[in-house]
C-alpha cells in the first residue's frame, strides 16, 4: 500500500493506493493517521480511489483510525470507494460510522458545511 498527503485549507487528504490486507499495510495506514493527528490536523479525508481491496482486519484498523481522530475532536470522511468496496462498507454498516462520499470535492465541501 502507498500513501500520499495533500492539504486544502484545514483538511488533510490521505490518498491510499493498493490493497489493505497485510500487517505491513496496516502499519503504513496507522502511521499515516498517527502522523496527521500528531501534526494537529483534525479534518481528515481518506481517498480510496486507488484502493482495490481491504480485508476485515483493514476495516478494523479503519474503525480504530476513525475513533482516534474523533477522540481528538476531529472528523474522518471517506471518498471515492469502488463499487465493490462501497458494497462492503454498506454490508458491514461502516457507512453508518464514517461518512462516505462519491467524489472528493463533495467530501471537502461537507467539512465546510
PDB file of N, CA and C in Angstrom:
ATOM      1  N   UNK A   1       0.834  -1.172   0.000  1.00  0.00           N
ATOM      2  CA  UNK A   1       0.000   0.000   0.000  1.00  0.00           C
ATOM      3  C   UNK A   1       0.882   1.240   0.000  1.00  0.00           C
ATOM      4  N   UNK A   2       0.438   2.230  -0.745  1.00  0.00           N
ATOM      5  CA  UNK A   2       1.156   3.501  -0.789  1.00  0.00           C
ATOM      6  C   UNK A   2       0.241   4.610  -0.294  1.00  0.00           C
ATOM      7  N   UNK A   3       0.860   5.647   0.270  1.00  0.00           N
ATOM      8  CA  UNK A   3       0.126   6.758   0.854  1.00  0.00           C
ATOM      9  C   UNK A   3       0.721   8.064   0.368  1.00  0.00           C
ATOM     10  N   UNK A   4      -0.135   9.012   0.031  1.00  0.00           N
ATOM     11  CA  UNK A   4       0.330  10.371  -0.252  1.00  0.00           C
ATOM     12  C   UNK A   4      -0.593  11.345   0.467  1.00  0.00           C
ATOM     13  N   UNK A   5      -0.060  12.528   0.754  1.00  0.00           N
ATOM     14  CA  UNK A   5      -0.787  13.536   1.519  1.00  0.00           C
ATOM     15  C   UNK A   5      -0.940  14.815   0.700  1.00  0.00           C
ATOM     16  N   UNK A   6      -2.072  15.458   0.884  1.00  0.00           N
ATOM     17  CA  UNK A   6      -2.307  16.799   0.343  1.00  0.00           C
ATOM     18  C   UNK A   6      -3.125  17.555   1.371  1.00  0.00           C
ATOM     19  N   UNK A   7      -3.055  18.856   1.294  1.00  0.00           N
ATOM     20  CA  UNK A   7      -3.895  19.666   2.173  1.00  0.00           C
ATOM     21  C   UNK A   7      -4.641  20.690   1.346  1.00  0.00           C
ATOM     22  N   UNK A   8      -5.868  20.927   1.763  1.00  0.00           N
ATOM     23  CA  UNK A   8      -6.664  22.006   1.197  1.00  0.00           C
ATOM     24  C   UNK A   8      -7.329  22.695   2.382  1.00  0.00           C
ATOM     25  N   UNK A   9      -6.885  23.914   2.679  1.00  0.00           N
ATOM     26  CA  UNK A   9      -7.358  24.597   3.873  1.00  0.00           C
ATOM     27  C   UNK A   9      -6.983  23.803   5.105  1.00  0.00           C
ATOM     28  N   UNK A  10      -7.976  23.541   5.950  1.00  0.00           N
ATOM     29  CA  UNK A  10      -7.714  22.788   7.181  1.00  0.00           C
ATOM     30  C   UNK A  10      -8.025  21.296   7.040  1.00  0.00           C
ATOM     31  N   UNK A  11      -8.113  20.822   5.807  1.00  0.00           N
ATOM     32  CA  UNK A  11      -8.428  19.417   5.529  1.00  0.00           C
ATOM     33  C   UNK A  11      -7.175  18.713   5.009  1.00  0.00           C
ATOM     34  N   UNK A  12      -6.843  17.595   5.626  1.00  0.00           N
ATOM     35  CA  UNK A  12      -5.743  16.771   5.150  1.00  0.00           C
ATOM     36  C   UNK A  12      -6.331  15.601   4.382  1.00  0.00           C
ATOM     37  N   UNK A  13      -5.893  15.451   3.155  1.00  0.00           N
ATOM     38  CA  UNK A  13      -6.355  14.361   2.301  1.00  0.00           C
ATOM     39  C   UNK A  13      -5.254  13.310   2.258  1.00  0.00           C
ATOM     40  N   UNK A  14      -5.620  12.108   2.642  1.00  0.00           N
ATOM     41  CA  UNK A  14      -4.696  10.982   2.570  1.00  0.00           C
ATOM     42  C   UNK A  14      -5.182  10.096   1.432  1.00  0.00           C
ATOM     43  N   UNK A  15      -4.402  10.052   0.360  1.00  0.00           N
ATOM     44  CA  UNK A  15      -4.746   9.217  -0.789  1.00  0.00           C
ATOM     45  C   UNK A  15      -4.042   7.873  -0.629  1.00  0.00           C
ATOM     46  N   UNK A  16      -4.830   6.829  -0.643  1.00  0.00           N
ATOM     47  CA  UNK A  16      -4.311   5.480  -0.477  1.00  0.00           C
ATOM     48  C   UNK A  16      -4.341   4.764  -1.816  1.00  0.00           C
ATOM     49  N   UNK A  17      -3.400   3.853  -2.026  1.00  0.00           N
ATOM     50  CA  UNK A  17      -3.443   3.049  -3.248  1.00  0.00           C
ATOM     51  C   UNK A  17      -2.943   1.642  -2.941  1.00  0.00           C
ATOM     52  N   UNK A  18      -3.509   0.699  -3.666  1.00  0.00           N
ATOM     53  CA  UNK A  18      -3.139  -0.698  -3.468  1.00  0.00           C
ATOM     54  C   UNK A  18      -4.160  -1.419  -2.620  1.00  0.00           C
ATOM     55  N   UNK A  19      -3.681  -2.393  -1.870  1.00  0.00           N
ATOM     56  CA  UNK A  19      -4.535  -3.214  -1.012  1.00  0.00           C
ATOM     57  C   UNK A  19      -4.213  -2.954   0.450  1.00  0.00           C
ATOM     58  N   UNK A  20      -5.205  -3.188   1.295  1.00  0.00           N
ATOM     59  CA  UNK A  20      -5.013  -3.094   2.739  1.00  0.00           C
ATOM     60  C   UNK A  20      -5.348  -4.474   3.284  1.00  0.00           C
ATOM     61  N   UNK A  21      -4.299  -5.319   3.363  1.00  0.00           N
ATOM     62  CA  UNK A  21      -4.563  -6.708   3.742  1.00  0.00           C
ATOM     63  C   UNK A  21      -3.442  -7.387   4.523  1.00  0.00           C
ATOM     64  N   UNK A  22      -2.311  -6.731   4.697  1.00  0.00           N
ATOM     65  CA  UNK A  22      -1.214  -7.363   5.434  1.00  0.00           C
ATOM     66  C   UNK A  22      -0.827  -6.502   6.634  1.00  0.00           C
ATOM     67  N   UNK A  23      -0.052  -7.081   7.526  1.00  0.00           N
ATOM     68  CA  UNK A  23       0.418  -6.311   8.680  1.00  0.00           C
ATOM     69  C   UNK A  23       1.202  -5.079   8.252  1.00  0.00           C
ATOM     70  N   UNK A  24       2.004  -5.203   7.199  1.00  0.00           N
ATOM     71  CA  UNK A  24       2.743  -4.038   6.696  1.00  0.00           C
ATOM     72  C   UNK A  24       1.780  -2.946   6.236  1.00  0.00           C
ATOM     73  N   UNK A  25       0.710  -3.345   5.537  1.00  0.00           N
ATOM     74  CA  UNK A  25      -0.292  -2.369   5.085  1.00  0.00           C
ATOM     75  C   UNK A  25      -0.935  -1.672   6.277  1.00  0.00           C
ATOM     76  N   UNK A  26      -1.280  -2.446   7.310  1.00  0.00           N
ATOM     77  CA  UNK A  26      -1.914  -1.871   8.496  1.00  0.00           C
ATOM     78  C   UNK A  26      -0.981  -0.872   9.164  1.00  0.00           C
ATOM     79  N   UNK A  27       0.309  -1.224   9.223  1.00  0.00           N
ATOM     80  CA  UNK A  27       1.280  -0.321   9.842  1.00  0.00           C
ATOM     81  C   UNK A  27       1.397   0.984   9.057  1.00  0.00           C
ATOM     82  N   UNK A  28       1.447   0.892   7.741  1.00  0.00           N
ATOM     83  CA  UNK A  28       1.526   2.093   6.897  1.00  0.00           C
ATOM     84  C   UNK A  28       0.292   2.961   7.127  1.00  0.00           C
ATOM     85  N   UNK A  29      -0.870   2.326   7.146  1.00  0.00           N
ATOM     86  CA  UNK A  29      -2.119   3.045   7.349  1.00  0.00           C
ATOM     87  C   UNK A  29      -2.142   3.722   8.721  1.00  0.00           C
ATOM     88  N   UNK A  30      -1.770   2.989   9.760  1.00  0.00           N
ATOM     89  CA  UNK A  30      -1.763   3.544  11.118  1.00  0.00           C
ATOM     90  C   UNK A  30      -0.791   4.709  11.231  1.00  0.00           C
ATOM     91  N   UNK A  31       0.397   4.556  10.660  1.00  0.00           N
ATOM     92  CA  UNK A  31       1.382   5.646  10.695  1.00  0.00           C
ATOM     93  C   UNK A  31       0.858   6.880   9.981  1.00  0.00           C
ATOM     94  N   UNK A  32       0.154   6.688   8.875  1.00  0.00           N
ATOM     95  CA  UNK A  32      -0.402   7.827   8.130  1.00  0.00           C
ATOM     96  C   UNK A  32      -1.393   8.596   8.995  1.00  0.00           C
ATOM     97  N   UNK A  33      -2.290   7.875   9.655  1.00  0.00           N
ATOM     98  CA  UNK A  33      -3.277   8.525  10.519  1.00  0.00           C
ATOM     99  C   UNK A  33      -2.585   9.181  11.716  1.00  0.00           C
ATOM    100  N   UNK A  34      -1.694   8.447  12.370  1.00  0.00           N
ATOM    101  CA  UNK A  34      -0.992   8.989  13.537  1.00  0.00           C
ATOM    102  C   UNK A  34      -0.216  10.244  13.180  1.00  0.00           C
ATOM    103  N   UNK A  35       0.449  10.247  12.037  1.00  0.00           N
ATOM    104  CA  UNK A  35       1.219  11.402  11.602  1.00  0.00           C
ATOM    105  C   UNK A  35       0.329  12.634  11.466  1.00  0.00           C
ATOM    106  N   UNK A  36      -0.805  12.463  10.842  1.00  0.00           N
ATOM    107  CA  UNK A  36      -1.720  13.587  10.630  1.00  0.00           C
ATOM    108  C   UNK A  36      -2.244  14.108  11.966  1.00  0.00           C
ATOM    109  N   UNK A  37      -2.654  13.201  12.842  1.00  0.00           N
ATOM    110  CA  UNK A  37      -3.193  13.609  14.143  1.00  0.00           C
ATOM    111  C   UNK A  37      -2.114  14.282  14.991  1.00  0.00           C
ATOM    112  N   UNK A  38      -0.901  13.740  14.977  1.00  0.00           N
ATOM    113  CA  UNK A  38       0.182  14.335  15.768  1.00  0.00           C
ATOM    114  C   UNK A  38       0.577  15.713  15.266  1.00  0.00           C
ATOM    115  N   UNK A  39       0.313  15.996  13.994  1.00  0.00           N
ATOM    116  CA  UNK A  39       0.581  17.338  13.464  1.00  0.00           C
ATOM    117  C   UNK A  39      -0.565  18.298  13.774  1.00  0.00           C
ATOM    118  N   UNK A  40      -1.552  17.824  14.534  1.00  0.00           N
ATOM    119  CA  UNK A  40      -2.648  18.698  14.948  1.00  0.00           C
ATOM    120  C   UNK A  40      -3.761  18.834  13.927  1.00  0.00           C
ATOM    121  N   UNK A  41      -3.748  18.005  12.914  1.00  0.00           N
ATOM    122  CA  UNK A  41      -4.786  18.069  11.888  1.00  0.00           C
ATOM    123  C   UNK A  41      -6.022  17.324  12.388  1.00  0.00           C
ATOM    124  N   UNK A  42      -7.175  17.922  12.236  1.00  0.00           N
ATOM    125  CA  UNK A  42      -8.391  17.330  12.778  1.00  0.00           C
ATOM    126  C   UNK A  42      -9.407  16.928  11.715  1.00  0.00           C
ATOM    127  N   UNK A  43      -9.303  17.478  10.523  1.00  0.00           N
ATOM    128  CA  UNK A  43     -10.211  17.132   9.429  1.00  0.00           C
ATOM    129  C   UNK A  43      -9.454  16.263   8.439  1.00  0.00           C
ATOM    130  N   UNK A  44      -9.820  14.981   8.389  1.00  0.00           N
ATOM    131  CA  UNK A  44      -9.072  14.017   7.589  1.00  0.00           C
ATOM    132  C   UNK A  44     -10.009  13.359   6.588  1.00  0.00           C
ATOM    133  N   UNK A  45      -9.575  13.362   5.344  1.00  0.00           N
ATOM    134  CA  UNK A  45     -10.317  12.713   4.264  1.00  0.00           C
ATOM    135  C   UNK A  45      -9.446  11.600   3.691  1.00  0.00           C
ATOM    136  N   UNK A  46      -9.982  10.394   3.703  1.00  0.00           N
ATOM    137  CA  UNK A  46      -9.292   9.260   3.089  1.00  0.00           C
ATOM    138  C   UNK A  46      -9.847   9.078   1.686  1.00  0.00           C
ATOM    139  N   UNK A  47      -8.975   9.188   0.695  1.00  0.00           N
ATOM    140  CA  UNK A  47      -9.392   8.968  -0.686  1.00  0.00           C
ATOM    141  C   UNK A  47      -9.021   7.533  -1.062  1.00  0.00           C
ATOM    142  N   UNK A  48     -10.049   6.729  -1.331  1.00  0.00           N
ATOM    143  CA  UNK A  48      -9.887   5.311  -1.633  1.00  0.00           C
ATOM    144  C   UNK A  48      -9.916   5.025  -3.131  1.00  0.00           C
ATOM    145  N   UNK A  49      -9.773   6.049  -3.950  1.00  0.00           N
ATOM    146  CA  UNK A  49      -9.903   5.871  -5.399  1.00  0.00           C
ATOM    147  C   UNK A  49      -9.014   4.759  -5.943  1.00  0.00           C
ATOM    148  N   UNK A  50      -7.814   4.634  -5.419  1.00  0.00           N
ATOM    149  CA  UNK A  50      -6.847   3.652  -5.919  1.00  0.00           C
ATOM    150  C   UNK A  50      -6.729   2.401  -5.046  1.00  0.00           C
ATOM    151  N   UNK A  51      -7.651   2.241  -4.097  1.00  0.00           N
ATOM    152  CA  UNK A  51      -7.635   1.049  -3.239  1.00  0.00           C
ATOM    153  C   UNK A  51      -8.482  -0.029  -3.898  1.00  0.00           C
ATOM    154  N   UNK A  52      -7.894  -1.196  -4.079  1.00  0.00           N
ATOM    155  CA  UNK A  52      -8.627  -2.267  -4.753  1.00  0.00           C
ATOM    156  C   UNK A  52      -9.098  -3.375  -3.829  1.00  0.00           C
ATOM    157  N   UNK A  53      -8.638  -3.362  -2.569  1.00  0.00           N
ATOM    158  CA  UNK A  53      -9.051  -4.418  -1.641  1.00  0.00           C
ATOM    159  C   UNK A  53      -8.769  -3.980  -0.214  1.00  0.00           C
ATOM    160  N   UNK A  54      -9.690  -4.344   0.680  1.00  0.00           N
ATOM    161  CA  UNK A  54      -9.466  -4.177   2.112  1.00  0.00           C
ATOM    162  C   UNK A  54     -10.115  -5.374   2.800  1.00  0.00           C
ATOM    163  N   UNK A  55      -9.375  -6.008   3.700  1.00  0.00           N
ATOM    164  CA  UNK A  55      -9.941  -7.167   4.390  1.00  0.00           C
ATOM    165  C   UNK A  55     -10.525  -6.737   5.736  1.00  0.00           C
ATOM    166  N   UNK A  56     -11.034  -7.710   6.486  1.00  0.00           N
ATOM    167  CA  UNK A  56     -11.710  -7.393   7.746  1.00  0.00           C
ATOM    168  C   UNK A  56     -10.762  -6.743   8.753  1.00  0.00           C
ATOM    169  N   UNK A  57      -9.515  -7.162   8.773  1.00  0.00           N
ATOM    170  CA  UNK A  57      -8.550  -6.522   9.675  1.00  0.00           C
ATOM    171  C   UNK A  57      -8.305  -5.076   9.266  1.00  0.00           C
ATOM    172  N   UNK A  58      -8.271  -4.827   7.968  1.00  0.00           N
ATOM    173  CA  UNK A  58      -8.134  -3.455   7.475  1.00  0.00           C
ATOM    174  C   UNK A  58      -9.326  -2.602   7.868  1.00  0.00           C
ATOM    175  N   UNK A  59     -10.524  -3.185   7.794  1.00  0.00           N
ATOM    176  CA  UNK A  59     -11.724  -2.463   8.230  1.00  0.00           C
ATOM    177  C   UNK A  59     -11.641  -2.141   9.718  1.00  0.00           C
ATOM    178  N   UNK A  60     -11.127  -3.095  10.494  1.00  0.00           N
ATOM    179  CA  UNK A  60     -10.943  -2.856  11.926  1.00  0.00           C
ATOM    180  C   UNK A  60      -9.994  -1.705  12.183  1.00  0.00           C
ATOM    181  N   UNK A  61      -8.903  -1.666  11.414  1.00  0.00           N
ATOM    182  CA  UNK A  61      -7.943  -0.561  11.556  1.00  0.00           C
ATOM    183  C   UNK A  61      -8.592   0.767  11.173  1.00  0.00           C
ATOM    184  N   UNK A  62      -9.467   0.741  10.181  1.00  0.00           N
ATOM    185  CA  UNK A  62     -10.165   1.945   9.753  1.00  0.00           C
ATOM    186  C   UNK A  62     -11.092   2.448  10.861  1.00  0.00           C
ATOM    187  N   UNK A  63     -11.786   1.538  11.520  1.00  0.00           N
ATOM    188  CA  UNK A  63     -12.660   1.913  12.634  1.00  0.00           C
ATOM    189  C   UNK A  63     -11.833   2.531  13.760  1.00  0.00           C
ATOM    190  N   UNK A  64     -10.698   1.924  14.081  1.00  0.00           N
ATOM    191  CA  UNK A  64      -9.825   2.471  15.122  1.00  0.00           C
ATOM    192  C   UNK A  64      -9.299   3.854  14.736  1.00  0.00           C
ATOM    193  N   UNK A  65      -8.963   4.036  13.460  1.00  0.00           N
ATOM    194  CA  UNK A  65      -8.493   5.340  12.996  1.00  0.00           C
ATOM    195  C   UNK A  65      -9.582   6.391  13.185  1.00  0.00           C
ATOM    196  N   UNK A  66     -10.804   6.031  12.817  1.00  0.00           N
ATOM    197  CA  UNK A  66     -11.919   6.961  12.988  1.00  0.00           C
ATOM    198  C   UNK A  66     -12.108   7.335  14.445  1.00  0.00           C
ATOM    199  N   UNK A  67     -12.006   6.350  15.326  1.00  0.00           N
ATOM    200  CA  UNK A  67     -12.149   6.613  16.761  1.00  0.00           C
ATOM    201  C   UNK A  67     -11.015   7.504  17.253  1.00  0.00           C
ATOM    202  N   UNK A  68      -9.811   7.225  16.804  1.00  0.00           N
ATOM    203  CA  UNK A  68      -8.644   8.018  17.203  1.00  0.00           C
ATOM    204  C   UNK A  68      -8.839   9.482  16.814  1.00  0.00           C
ATOM    205  N   UNK A  69      -9.305   9.711  15.615  1.00  0.00           N
ATOM    206  CA  UNK A  69      -9.499  11.081  15.131  1.00  0.00           C
ATOM    207  C   UNK A  69     -10.647  11.763  15.865  1.00  0.00           C
ATOM    208  N   UNK A  70     -11.769  11.079  16.030  1.00  0.00           N
ATOM    209  CA  UNK A  70     -12.908  11.707  16.708  1.00  0.00           C
ATOM    210  C   UNK A  70     -12.629  11.913  18.199  1.00  0.00           C
ATOM    211  N   UNK A  71     -11.832  11.047  18.808  1.00  0.00           N
ATOM    212  CA  UNK A  71     -11.451  11.254  20.203  1.00  0.00           C
ATOM    213  C   UNK A  71     -10.654  12.538  20.371  1.00  0.00           C
ATOM    214  N   UNK A  72      -9.974  12.965  19.311  1.00  0.00           N
ATOM    215  CA  UNK A  72      -9.213  14.211  19.327  1.00  0.00           C
ATOM    216  C   UNK A  72     -10.043  15.366  18.749  1.00  0.00           C
ATOM    217  N   UNK A  73     -11.379  15.218  18.808  1.00  0.00           N
ATOM    218  CA  UNK A  73     -12.309  16.244  18.308  1.00  0.00           C
ATOM    219  C   UNK A  73     -12.145  16.514  16.826  1.00  0.00           C
ATOM    220  N   UNK A  74     -11.789  15.486  16.091  1.00  0.00           N
ATOM    221  CA  UNK A  74     -11.637  15.619  14.654  1.00  0.00           C
ATOM    222  C   UNK A  74     -12.766  14.941  13.907  1.00  0.00           C
ATOM    223  N   UNK A  75     -12.624  14.927  12.597  1.00  0.00           N
ATOM    224  CA  UNK A  75     -13.625  14.340  11.728  1.00  0.00           C
ATOM    225  C   UNK A  75     -12.934  13.555  10.624  1.00  0.00           C
ATOM    226  N   UNK A  76     -13.394  12.317  10.414  1.00  0.00           N
ATOM    227  CA  UNK A  76     -12.854  11.459   9.362  1.00  0.00           C
ATOM    228  C   UNK A  76     -13.946  11.182   8.349  1.00  0.00           C
ATOM    229  N   UNK A  77     -13.607  11.326   7.079  1.00  0.00           N
ATOM    230  CA  UNK A  77     -14.533  11.034   5.994  1.00  0.00           C
ATOM    231  C   UNK A  77     -13.796  10.246   4.924  1.00  0.00           C
ATOM    232  N   UNK A  78     -14.571   9.557   4.092  1.00  0.00           N
ATOM    233  CA  UNK A  78     -14.014   8.715   3.039  1.00  0.00           C
ATOM    234  C   UNK A  78     -14.625   9.130   1.711  1.00  0.00           C
ATOM    235  N   UNK A  79     -13.809   9.098   0.660  1.00  0.00           N
ATOM    236  CA  UNK A  79     -14.306   9.426  -0.677  1.00  0.00           C
ATOM    237  C   UNK A  79     -13.793   8.423  -1.702  1.00  0.00           C
ATOM    238  N   UNK A  80     -14.571   8.270  -2.747  1.00  0.00           N
ATOM    239  CA  UNK A  80     -14.202   7.567  -3.976  1.00  0.00           C
ATOM    240  C   UNK A  80     -13.963   6.071  -3.790  1.00  0.00           C
ATOM    241  N   UNK A  81     -14.867   5.422  -3.061  1.00  0.00           N
ATOM    242  CA  UNK A  81     -14.811   3.965  -2.954  1.00  0.00           C
ATOM    243  C   UNK A  81     -15.235   3.330  -4.275  1.00  0.00           C
ATOM    244  N   UNK A  82     -14.613   2.231  -4.626  1.00  0.00           N
ATOM    245  CA  UNK A  82     -15.080   1.459  -5.781  1.00  0.00           C
ATOM    246  C   UNK A  82     -16.454   0.876  -5.429  1.00  0.00           C
ATOM    247  N   UNK A  83     -17.171   0.400  -6.431  1.00  0.00           N
ATOM    248  CA  UNK A  83     -18.485  -0.200  -6.181  1.00  0.00           C
ATOM    249  C   UNK A  83     -18.378  -1.384  -5.224  1.00  0.00           C
ATOM    250  N   UNK A  84     -17.354  -2.219  -5.403  1.00  0.00           N
ATOM    251  CA  UNK A  84     -17.178  -3.380  -4.527  1.00  0.00           C
ATOM    252  C   UNK A  84     -16.901  -2.957  -3.080  1.00  0.00           C
ATOM    253  N   UNK A  85     -16.044  -1.951  -2.907  1.00  0.00           N
ATOM    254  CA  UNK A  85     -15.749  -1.503  -1.552  1.00  0.00           C
ATOM    255  C   UNK A  85     -16.953  -0.801  -0.937  1.00  0.00           C
ATOM    256  N   UNK A  86     -17.694  -0.047  -1.728  1.00  0.00           N
ATOM    257  CA  UNK A  86     -18.901   0.609  -1.216  1.00  0.00           C
ATOM    258  C   UNK A  86     -19.874  -0.460  -0.711  1.00  0.00           C
ATOM    259  N   UNK A  87     -20.023  -1.539  -1.461  1.00  0.00           N
ATOM    260  CA  UNK A  87     -20.907  -2.630  -1.046  1.00  0.00           C
ATOM    261  C   UNK A  87     -20.430  -3.236   0.275  1.00  0.00           C
ATOM    262  N   UNK A  88     -19.130  -3.427   0.410  1.00  0.00           N
ATOM    263  CA  UNK A  88     -18.558  -3.960   1.644  1.00  0.00           C
ATOM    264  C   UNK A  88     -18.825  -3.016   2.821  1.00  0.00           C
ATOM    265  N   UNK A  89     -18.611  -1.737   2.619  1.00  0.00           N
ATOM    266  CA  UNK A  89     -18.824  -0.761   3.684  1.00  0.00           C
ATOM    267  C   UNK A  89     -20.301  -0.716   4.083  1.00  0.00           C
ATOM    268  N   UNK A  90     -21.198  -0.888   3.125  1.00  0.00           N
ATOM    269  CA  UNK A  90     -22.631  -0.920   3.429  1.00  0.00           C
ATOM    270  C   UNK A  90     -22.980  -2.199   4.170  1.00  0.00           C
ATOM    271  N   UNK A  91     -22.478  -3.327   3.698  1.00  0.00           N
ATOM    272  CA  UNK A  91     -22.758  -4.621   4.316  1.00  0.00           C
ATOM    273  C   UNK A  91     -22.293  -4.660   5.771  1.00  0.00           C
ATOM    274  N   UNK A  92     -21.128  -4.090   6.032  1.00  0.00           N
ATOM    275  CA  UNK A  92     -20.566  -4.096   7.388  1.00  0.00           C
ATOM    276  C   UNK A  92     -21.091  -2.937   8.235  1.00  0.00           C
ATOM    277  N   UNK A  93     -21.904  -2.091   7.627  1.00  0.00           N
ATOM    278  CA  UNK A  93     -22.502  -0.914   8.280  1.00  0.00           C
ATOM    279  C   UNK A  93     -21.449   0.128   8.667  1.00  0.00           C
ATOM    280  N   UNK A  94     -20.273   0.022   8.109  1.00  0.00           N
ATOM    281  CA  UNK A  94     -19.251   1.026   8.360  1.00  0.00           C
ATOM    282  C   UNK A  94     -19.681   2.382   7.816  1.00  0.00           C
ATOM    283  N   UNK A  95     -20.537   2.353   6.791  1.00  0.00           N
ATOM    284  CA  UNK A  95     -21.035   3.607   6.229  1.00  0.00           C
ATOM    285  C   UNK A  95     -21.925   4.375   7.206  1.00  0.00           C
ATOM    286  N   UNK A  96     -22.348   3.740   8.291  1.00  0.00           N
ATOM    287  CA  UNK A  96     -23.124   4.441   9.320  1.00  0.00           C
ATOM    288  C   UNK A  96     -22.209   5.060  10.367  1.00  0.00           C
ATOM    289  N   UNK A  97     -20.938   4.686  10.363  1.00  0.00           N
ATOM    290  CA  UNK A  97     -19.962   5.192  11.334  1.00  0.00           C
ATOM    291  C   UNK A  97     -19.070   6.291  10.764  1.00  0.00           C
ATOM    292  N   UNK A  98     -18.751   6.159   9.478  1.00  0.00           N
ATOM    293  CA  UNK A  98     -17.864   7.120   8.818  1.00  0.00           C
ATOM    294  C   UNK A  98     -18.572   7.612   7.560  1.00  0.00           C
ATOM    295  N   UNK A  99     -18.743   8.928   7.414  1.00  0.00           N
ATOM    296  CA  UNK A  99     -19.403   9.448   6.215  1.00  0.00           C
ATOM    297  C   UNK A  99     -18.611   9.104   4.951  1.00  0.00           C
ATOM    298  N   UNK A 100     -19.345   8.671   3.921  1.00  0.00           N
ATOM    299  CA  UNK A 100     -18.740   8.270   2.652  1.00  0.00           C
ATOM    300  C   UNK A 100     -19.325   9.129   1.537  1.00  0.00           C
ATOM    301  N   UNK A 101     -18.454   9.578   0.642  1.00  0.00           N
ATOM    302  CA  UNK A 101     -18.851  10.439  -0.469  1.00  0.00           C
ATOM    303  C   UNK A 101     -18.371   9.848  -1.782  1.00  0.00           C
ATOM    304  N   UNK A 102     -19.164  10.060  -2.825  1.00  0.00           N
ATOM    305  CA  UNK A 102     -18.799   9.551  -4.139  1.00  0.00           C
ATOM    306  C   UNK A 102     -17.551  10.242  -4.679  1.00  0.00           C
ATOM    307  N   UNK A 103     -17.463  11.540  -4.480  1.00  0.00           N
ATOM    308  CA  UNK A 103     -16.359  12.333  -5.034  1.00  0.00           C
ATOM    309  C   UNK A 103     -15.623  13.097  -3.936  1.00  0.00           C
ATOM    310  N   UNK A 104     -14.353  13.303  -4.153  1.00  0.00           N
ATOM    311  CA  UNK A 104     -13.526  14.008  -3.183  1.00  0.00           C
ATOM    312  C   UNK A 104     -14.037  15.421  -2.932  1.00  0.00           C
ATOM    313  N   UNK A 105     -14.431  16.128  -3.988  1.00  0.00           N
ATOM    314  CA  UNK A 105     -14.883  17.510  -3.800  1.00  0.00           C
ATOM    315  C   UNK A 105     -16.160  17.597  -2.965  1.00  0.00           C
ATOM    316  N   UNK A 106     -17.012  16.571  -3.041  1.00  0.00           N
ATOM    317  CA  UNK A 106     -18.213  16.535  -2.195  1.00  0.00           C
ATOM    318  C   UNK A 106     -17.815  16.391  -0.720  1.00  0.00           C
ATOM    319  N   UNK A 107     -16.858  15.542  -0.467  1.00  0.00           N
ATOM    320  CA  UNK A 107     -16.401  15.332   0.907  1.00  0.00           C
ATOM    321  C   UNK A 107     -15.756  16.603   1.455  1.00  0.00           C
ATOM    322  N   UNK A 108     -14.934  17.257   0.642  1.00  0.00           N
ATOM    323  CA  UNK A 108     -14.296  18.503   1.072  1.00  0.00           C
ATOM    324  C   UNK A 108     -15.346  19.549   1.410  1.00  0.00           C
ATOM    325  N   UNK A 109     -16.365  19.683   0.563  1.00  0.00           N
ATOM    326  CA  UNK A 109     -17.441  20.643   0.824  1.00  0.00           C
ATOM    327  C   UNK A 109     -18.173  20.322   2.121  1.00  0.00           C
ATOM    328  N   UNK A 110     -18.308  19.049   2.439  1.00  0.00           N
ATOM    329  CA  UNK A 110     -19.041  18.656   3.652  1.00  0.00           C
ATOM    330  C   UNK A 110     -18.309  19.099   4.923  1.00  0.00           C
ATOM    331  N   UNK A 111     -16.985  19.192   4.883  1.00  0.00           N
ATOM    332  CA  UNK A 111     -16.242  19.676   6.037  1.00  0.00           C
ATOM    333  C   UNK A 111     -16.572  21.141   6.298  1.00  0.00           C
ATOM    334  N   UNK A 112     -16.889  21.865   5.261  1.00  0.00           N
ATOM    335  CA  UNK A 112     -17.103  23.298   5.366  1.00  0.00           C
ATOM    336  C   UNK A 112     -18.546  23.644   5.704  1.00  0.00           C
ATOM    337  N   UNK A 113     -19.418  22.678   5.629  1.00  0.00           N
ATOM    338  CA  UNK A 113     -20.846  22.937   5.925  1.00  0.00           C
ATOM    339  C   UNK A 113     -21.177  22.665   7.369  1.00  0.00           C
TER     340      UNK A 113
END
